Amino acid sequence: MKFLVGYNGSDVAKEVLALAAEHAKLFQAKVLVVFSLVGGTGENPADIDKARQDLVFAEKFLKDKSVACETYQLARGRAPGEDLVNFADEHEVDQIYVGVEKKSRTQKIIVGSNAQYIILKASCPVVSVNRSTR
């Protein structure tokens, strides 16, 4: 069994990682932790390095809990939501875990919602963890 965690290093992403770890232990699943960057000129070296550091944290967190895992840093020219859905299909993932941070209507119009895209388009079940902005 394989679980995918859409990870960006945020507080809600860490909550998602912890939940996926608990479930992975119960179901003896491998956790694929994916940090998706759009790539190209839109990324700067600091963003790429932060993603790498966040994945190192996630891998250590899971290994400390004796959970089998793999980490992936993607930059395939897609929005993160689309990238994660495609990655899940390519790797025959059984369940996806994502964090949801509430946004205003204006924020949704401007930046969209990767979690919403994943929830609506994934071909497997999606577990979401909600965090309201303060």
C-alpha atoms as a PDB file:
ATOM      1  CA  MET A   1       0.000   0.000   0.000  1.00  0.00           C
ATOM      2  CA  LYS A   2       1.259   3.503  -0.852  1.00  0.00           C
ATOM      3  CA  PHE A   3       0.248   6.850   0.611  1.00  0.00           C
ATOM      4  CA  LEU A   4       1.205  10.198  -0.892  1.00  0.00           C
ATOM      5  CA  VAL A   5       1.688  13.308   1.244  1.00  0.00           C
ATOM      6  CA  GLY A   6       1.587  16.659  -0.535  1.00  0.00           C
ATOM      7  CA  TYR A   7       4.193  18.493   1.525  1.00  0.00           C
ATOM      8  CA  ASN A   8       5.352  22.108   1.656  1.00  0.00           C
ATOM      9  CA  GLY A   9       6.866  22.391   5.136  1.00  0.00           C
ATOM     10  CA  SER A  10       3.985  24.441   6.595  1.00  0.00           C
ATOM     11  CA  ASP A  11       2.430  23.739   9.992  1.00  0.00           C
ATOM     12  CA  VAL A  12      -0.595  22.077   8.400  1.00  0.00           C
ATOM     13  CA  ALA A  13       1.715  19.988   6.172  1.00  0.00           C
ATOM     14  CA  LYS A  14       3.465  18.723   9.320  1.00  0.00           C
ATOM     15  CA  GLU A  15       0.060  17.768  10.761  1.00  0.00           C
ATOM     16  CA  VAL A  16      -0.723  15.912   7.530  1.00  0.00           C
ATOM     17  CA  LEU A  17       2.628  14.119   7.703  1.00  0.00           C
ATOM     18  CA  ALA A  18       1.930  12.999  11.282  1.00  0.00           C
ATOM     19  CA  LEU A  19      -1.518  11.673  10.348  1.00  0.00           C
ATOM     20  CA  ALA A  20      -0.141   9.828   7.310  1.00  0.00           C
ATOM     21  CA  ALA A  21       2.562   8.290   9.531  1.00  0.00           C
ATOM     22  CA  GLU A  22      -0.072   6.995  11.972  1.00  0.00           C
ATOM     23  CA  HIS A  23      -2.123   5.498   9.150  1.00  0.00           C
ATOM     24  CA  ALA A  24       0.958   4.057   7.425  1.00  0.00           C
ATOM     25  CA  LYS A  25       1.895   2.182  10.592  1.00  0.00           C
ATOM     26  CA  LEU A  26      -1.621   0.752  10.859  1.00  0.00           C
ATOM     27  CA  PHE A  27      -1.758  -0.346   7.222  1.00  0.00           C
ATOM     28  CA  GLN A  28       1.964  -1.113   6.761  1.00  0.00           C
ATOM     29  CA  ALA A  29       2.071   1.416   3.932  1.00  0.00           C
ATOM     30  CA  LYS A  30       4.961   3.260   2.359  1.00  0.00           C
ATOM     31  CA  VAL A  31       4.665   7.058   2.434  1.00  0.00           C
ATOM     32  CA  LEU A  32       5.720   9.044  -0.638  1.00  0.00           C
ATOM     33  CA  VAL A  33       6.365  12.644   0.399  1.00  0.00           C
ATOM     34  CA  VAL A  34       6.150  15.036  -2.542  1.00  0.00           C
ATOM     35  CA  PHE A  35       7.109  18.709  -2.652  1.00  0.00           C
ATOM     36  CA  SER A  36       5.987  20.199  -5.965  1.00  0.00           C
ATOM     37  CA  LEU A  37       7.511  23.373  -7.368  1.00  0.00           C
ATOM     38  CA  VAL A  38       6.346  24.765 -10.694  1.00  0.00           C
ATOM     39  CA  GLY A  39       9.899  25.049 -11.982  1.00  0.00           C
ATOM     40  CA  GLY A  40      11.427  27.265 -14.632  1.00  0.00           C
ATOM     41  CA  THR A  41      12.060  30.940 -14.014  1.00  0.00           C
ATOM     42  CA  GLY A  42       9.354  31.062 -11.329  1.00  0.00           C
ATOM     43  CA  GLU A  43      11.607  29.360  -8.774  1.00  0.00           C
ATOM     44  CA  ASN A  44      14.586  30.867  -7.048  1.00  0.00           C
ATOM     45  CA  PRO A  45      17.482  28.994  -5.409  1.00  0.00           C
ATOM     46  CA  ALA A  46      16.191  29.787  -1.902  1.00  0.00           C
ATOM     47  CA  ASP A  47      12.811  28.125  -2.668  1.00  0.00           C
ATOM     48  CA  ILE A  48      14.542  25.057  -4.078  1.00  0.00           C
ATOM     49  CA  ASP A  49      16.834  24.786  -1.051  1.00  0.00           C
ATOM     50  CA  LYS A  50      13.889  25.218   1.353  1.00  0.00           C
ATOM     51  CA  ALA A  51      12.039  22.398  -0.412  1.00  0.00           C
ATOM     52  CA  ARG A  52      15.084  20.153  -0.066  1.00  0.00           C
ATOM     53  CA  GLN A  53      15.416  20.970   3.647  1.00  0.00           C
ATOM     54  CA  ASP A  54      11.696  20.372   4.227  1.00  0.00           C
ATOM     55  CA  LEU A  55      11.962  16.951   2.572  1.00  0.00           C
ATOM     56  CA  VAL A  56      14.976  16.058   4.749  1.00  0.00           C
ATOM     57  CA  PHE A  57      12.842  16.931   7.796  1.00  0.00           C
ATOM     58  CA  ALA A  58       9.920  14.811   6.521  1.00  0.00           C
ATOM     59  CA  GLU A  59      12.137  11.817   5.799  1.00  0.00           C
ATOM     60  CA  LYS A  60      13.746  11.954   9.255  1.00  0.00           C
ATOM     61  CA  PHE A  61      10.325  12.368  10.904  1.00  0.00           C
ATOM     62  CA  LEU A  62       8.971   9.256   9.171  1.00  0.00           C
ATOM     63  CA  LYS A  63      12.086   7.147   9.676  1.00  0.00           C
ATOM     64  CA  ASP A  64      12.109   8.043  13.396  1.00  0.00           C
ATOM     65  CA  LYS A  65       8.598   6.548  13.495  1.00  0.00           C
ATOM     66  CA  SER A  66       9.789   3.442  11.584  1.00  0.00           C
ATOM     67  CA  VAL A  67       7.653   4.295   8.554  1.00  0.00           C
ATOM     68  CA  ALA A  68       8.971   3.340   5.111  1.00  0.00           C
ATOM     69  CA  CYS A  69       9.191   6.418   2.928  1.00  0.00           C
ATOM     70  CA  GLU A  70      10.543   8.050  -0.190  1.00  0.00           C
ATOM     71  CA  THR A  71      10.815  11.780  -0.879  1.00  0.00           C
ATOM     72  CA  TYR A  72      10.428  13.583  -4.183  1.00  0.00           C
ATOM     73  CA  GLN A  73      11.067  17.177  -5.171  1.00  0.00           C
ATOM     74  CA  LEU A  74       9.209  17.871  -8.407  1.00  0.00           C
ATOM     75  CA  ALA A  75       9.546  20.758 -10.840  1.00  0.00           C
ATOM     76  CA  ARG A  76       7.666  19.579 -13.907  1.00  0.00           C
ATOM     77  CA  GLY A  77       6.064  22.826 -15.044  1.00  0.00           C
ATOM     78  CA  ARG A  78       2.655  22.077 -13.559  1.00  0.00           C
ATOM     79  CA  ALA A  79       0.644  23.595 -10.737  1.00  0.00           C
ATOM     80  CA  PRO A  80       1.248  21.580  -7.541  1.00  0.00           C
ATOM     81  CA  GLY A  81      -2.297  20.184  -7.458  1.00  0.00           C
ATOM     82  CA  GLU A  82      -2.072  18.858 -11.001  1.00  0.00           C
ATOM     83  CA  ASP A  83       1.461  17.593 -10.370  1.00  0.00           C
ATOM     84  CA  LEU A  84       0.414  15.602  -7.289  1.00  0.00           C
ATOM     85  CA  VAL A  85      -2.600  14.035  -9.003  1.00  0.00           C
ATOM     86  CA  ASN A  86      -0.446  12.948 -11.950  1.00  0.00           C
ATOM     87  CA  PHE A  87       2.298  11.681  -9.639  1.00  0.00           C
ATOM     88  CA  ALA A  88      -0.253   9.651  -7.668  1.00  0.00           C
ATOM     89  CA  ASP A  89      -1.518   8.026 -10.869  1.00  0.00           C
ATOM     90  CA  GLU A  90       2.019   7.336 -12.131  1.00  0.00           C
ATOM     91  CA  HIS A  91       3.006   5.663  -8.842  1.00  0.00           C
ATOM     92  CA  GLU A  92      -0.294   3.830  -8.241  1.00  0.00           C
ATOM     93  CA  VAL A  93      -0.899   5.578  -4.922  1.00  0.00           C
ATOM     94  CA  ASP A  94      -3.720   4.206  -2.777  1.00  0.00           C
ATOM     95  CA  GLN A  95      -4.478   7.376  -0.798  1.00  0.00           C
ATOM     96  CA  ILE A  96      -3.424  11.041  -0.842  1.00  0.00           C
ATOM     97  CA  TYR A  97      -3.004  13.291   2.212  1.00  0.00           C
ATOM     98  CA  VAL A  98      -3.208  17.079   1.828  1.00  0.00           C
ATOM     99  CA  GLY A  99      -3.432  20.114   4.047  1.00  0.00           C
ATOM    100  CA  VAL A 100      -6.126  22.709   3.524  1.00  0.00           C
ATOM    101  CA  GLU A 101      -5.656  26.287   4.637  1.00  0.00           C
ATOM    102  CA  LYS A 102      -8.727  28.476   4.466  1.00  0.00           C
ATOM    103  CA  LYS A 103      -8.441  31.353   2.041  1.00  0.00           C
ATOM    104  CA  SER A 104     -10.653  34.299   1.318  1.00  0.00           C
ATOM    105  CA  ARG A 105     -12.628  34.290  -1.934  1.00  0.00           C
ATOM    106  CA  THR A 106     -10.187  36.820  -3.361  1.00  0.00           C
ATOM    107  CA  GLN A 107      -7.205  34.617  -2.499  1.00  0.00           C
ATOM    108  CA  LYS A 108      -8.884  31.630  -4.157  1.00  0.00           C
ATOM    109  CA  ILE A 109      -9.524  33.629  -7.320  1.00  0.00           C
ATOM    110  CA  ILE A 110      -5.921  34.846  -7.452  1.00  0.00           C
ATOM    111  CA  VAL A 111      -4.000  31.716  -6.451  1.00  0.00           C
ATOM    112  CA  GLY A 112      -6.569  28.920  -6.723  1.00  0.00           C
ATOM    113  CA  SER A 113      -6.591  25.927  -4.440  1.00  0.00           C
ATOM    114  CA  ASN A 114      -4.235  23.015  -4.968  1.00  0.00           C
ATOM    115  CA  ALA A 115      -6.015  20.959  -2.310  1.00  0.00           C
ATOM    116  CA  GLN A 116      -9.376  21.516  -3.990  1.00  0.00           C
ATOM    117  CA  TYR A 117      -7.939  20.392  -7.327  1.00  0.00           C
ATOM    118  CA  ILE A 118      -6.526  17.229  -5.704  1.00  0.00           C
ATOM    119  CA  ILE A 119      -9.764  16.432  -3.874  1.00  0.00           C
ATOM    120  CA  LEU A 120     -11.816  16.805  -7.061  1.00  0.00           C
ATOM    121  CA  LYS A 121      -9.449  15.190  -9.581  1.00  0.00           C
ATOM    122  CA  ALA A 122      -7.622  12.386  -7.736  1.00  0.00           C
ATOM    123  CA  SER A 123      -8.464   8.839  -8.785  1.00  0.00           C
ATOM    124  CA  CYS A 124      -7.954   7.560  -5.212  1.00  0.00           C
ATOM    125  CA  PRO A 125      -9.290   8.634  -1.800  1.00  0.00           C
ATOM    126  CA  VAL A 126      -7.997  11.941  -0.395  1.00  0.00           C
ATOM    127  CA  VAL A 127      -7.647  12.731   3.312  1.00  0.00           C
ATOM    128  CA  SER A 128      -7.559  16.441   4.094  1.00  0.00           C
ATOM    129  CA  VAL A 129      -6.468  18.231   7.242  1.00  0.00           C
ATOM    130  CA  ASN A 130      -7.995  21.675   7.701  1.00  0.00           C
ATOM    131  CA  ARG A 131      -6.227  24.670   9.190  1.00  0.00           C
ATOM    132  CA  SER A 132      -7.901  28.079   9.365  1.00  0.00           C
ATOM    133  CA  THR A 133      -5.738  31.149   8.879  1.00  0.00           C
ATOM    134  CA  ARG A 134      -5.812  33.547  11.772  1.00  0.00           C
END
